Amino acid sequence: MDVPYDLTSYVRVLKMATTPSQEEFVQVSKIAGAGILLVGFIGFLIGVTMGLFTGGF
């Protein structure tokens, strides 16, 4: 592990990074929120299905 090389790589990436615009931030937030809701809904469906099959309700 070459620490000086790693640090220069990290600094290079941070110098290239920019703050997202308002529009880009909103778009990424909507996509992330939709993904979270989708995963939650799938988990809910699995929970309901397991509850019905095992008599949990």
C-alpha atoms as a PDB file:
ATOM      1  CA  MET A   1       0.000   0.000   0.000  1.00  0.00           C
ATOM      2  CA  ASP A   2       1.583   3.202  -1.206  1.00  0.00           C
ATOM      3  CA  VAL A   3       0.180   5.918   1.078  1.00  0.00           C
ATOM      4  CA  PRO A   4       1.577   8.998  -0.734  1.00  0.00           C
ATOM      5  CA  TYR A   5       0.224   7.717  -4.054  1.00  0.00           C
ATOM      6  CA  ASP A   6      -3.178   7.029  -2.499  1.00  0.00           C
ATOM      7  CA  LEU A   7      -3.304  10.506  -0.962  1.00  0.00           C
ATOM      8  CA  THR A   8      -2.476  12.181  -4.258  1.00  0.00           C
ATOM      9  CA  SER A   9      -5.207  10.158  -5.934  1.00  0.00           C
ATOM     10  CA  TYR A  10      -7.726  11.272  -3.309  1.00  0.00           C
ATOM     11  CA  VAL A  11      -6.678  14.916  -3.650  1.00  0.00           C
ATOM     12  CA  ARG A  12      -6.972  14.708  -7.442  1.00  0.00           C
ATOM     13  CA  VAL A  13     -10.512  13.354  -7.192  1.00  0.00           C
ATOM     14  CA  LEU A  14     -11.533  16.023  -4.677  1.00  0.00           C
ATOM     15  CA  LYS A  15     -10.177  18.787  -6.926  1.00  0.00           C
ATOM     16  CA  MET A  16     -12.220  17.463  -9.860  1.00  0.00           C
ATOM     17  CA  ALA A  17     -15.426  17.120  -7.838  1.00  0.00           C
ATOM     18  CA  THR A  18     -17.990  19.893  -8.068  1.00  0.00           C
ATOM     19  CA  THR A  19     -21.133  20.722  -6.147  1.00  0.00           C
ATOM     20  CA  PRO A  20     -24.209  19.509  -8.038  1.00  0.00           C
ATOM     21  CA  SER A  21     -26.657  22.047  -9.389  1.00  0.00           C
ATOM     22  CA  GLN A  22     -30.095  22.365  -7.803  1.00  0.00           C
ATOM     23  CA  GLU A  23     -31.692  20.539 -10.735  1.00  0.00           C
ATOM     24  CA  GLU A  24     -29.196  17.665 -10.575  1.00  0.00           C
ATOM     25  CA  PHE A  25     -29.633  17.354  -6.813  1.00  0.00           C
ATOM     26  CA  VAL A  26     -33.430  17.201  -7.108  1.00  0.00           C
ATOM     27  CA  GLN A  27     -33.205  14.572  -9.845  1.00  0.00           C
ATOM     28  CA  VAL A  28     -30.824  12.370  -7.849  1.00  0.00           C
ATOM     29  CA  SER A  29     -32.995  12.783  -4.746  1.00  0.00           C
ATOM     30  CA  LYS A  30     -36.120  11.700  -6.633  1.00  0.00           C
ATOM     31  CA  ILE A  31     -34.378   8.629  -8.050  1.00  0.00           C
ATOM     32  CA  ALA A  32     -32.941   7.661  -4.659  1.00  0.00           C
ATOM     33  CA  GLY A  33     -36.317   8.184  -2.983  1.00  0.00           C
ATOM     34  CA  ALA A  34     -38.062   6.057  -5.602  1.00  0.00           C
ATOM     35  CA  GLY A  35     -35.495   3.303  -5.062  1.00  0.00           C
ATOM     36  CA  ILE A  36     -35.996   3.398  -1.295  1.00  0.00           C
ATOM     37  CA  LEU A  37     -39.783   3.231  -1.704  1.00  0.00           C
ATOM     38  CA  LEU A  38     -39.479   0.351  -4.180  1.00  0.00           C
ATOM     39  CA  VAL A  39     -37.263  -1.685  -1.848  1.00  0.00           C
ATOM     40  CA  GLY A  40     -39.616  -0.965   1.061  1.00  0.00           C
ATOM     41  CA  PHE A  41     -42.656  -2.011  -0.962  1.00  0.00           C
ATOM     42  CA  ILE A  42     -40.968  -5.243  -2.024  1.00  0.00           C
ATOM     43  CA  GLY A  43     -40.100  -5.945   1.614  1.00  0.00           C
ATOM     44  CA  PHE A  44     -43.696  -5.245   2.612  1.00  0.00           C
ATOM     45  CA  LEU A  45     -45.001  -7.651  -0.024  1.00  0.00           C
ATOM     46  CA  ILE A  46     -42.587 -10.351   1.125  1.00  0.00           C
ATOM     47  CA  GLY A  47     -43.652  -9.794   4.733  1.00  0.00           C
ATOM     48  CA  VAL A  48     -47.353 -10.022   3.885  1.00  0.00           C
ATOM     49  CA  THR A  49     -46.782 -13.135   1.784  1.00  0.00           C
ATOM     50  CA  MET A  50     -44.795 -14.827   4.545  1.00  0.00           C
ATOM     51  CA  GLY A  51     -47.444 -13.844   7.069  1.00  0.00           C
ATOM     52  CA  LEU A  52     -50.182 -15.392   4.978  1.00  0.00           C
ATOM     53  CA  PHE A  53     -48.273 -18.639   4.424  1.00  0.00           C
ATOM     54  CA  THR A  54     -47.177 -19.076   8.032  1.00  0.00           C
ATOM     55  CA  GLY A  55     -50.456 -17.930   9.578  1.00  0.00           C
ATOM     56  CA  GLY A  56     -48.885 -14.897  11.216  1.00  0.00           C
ATOM     57  CA  PHE A  57     -51.994 -12.756  10.717  1.00  0.00           C
END
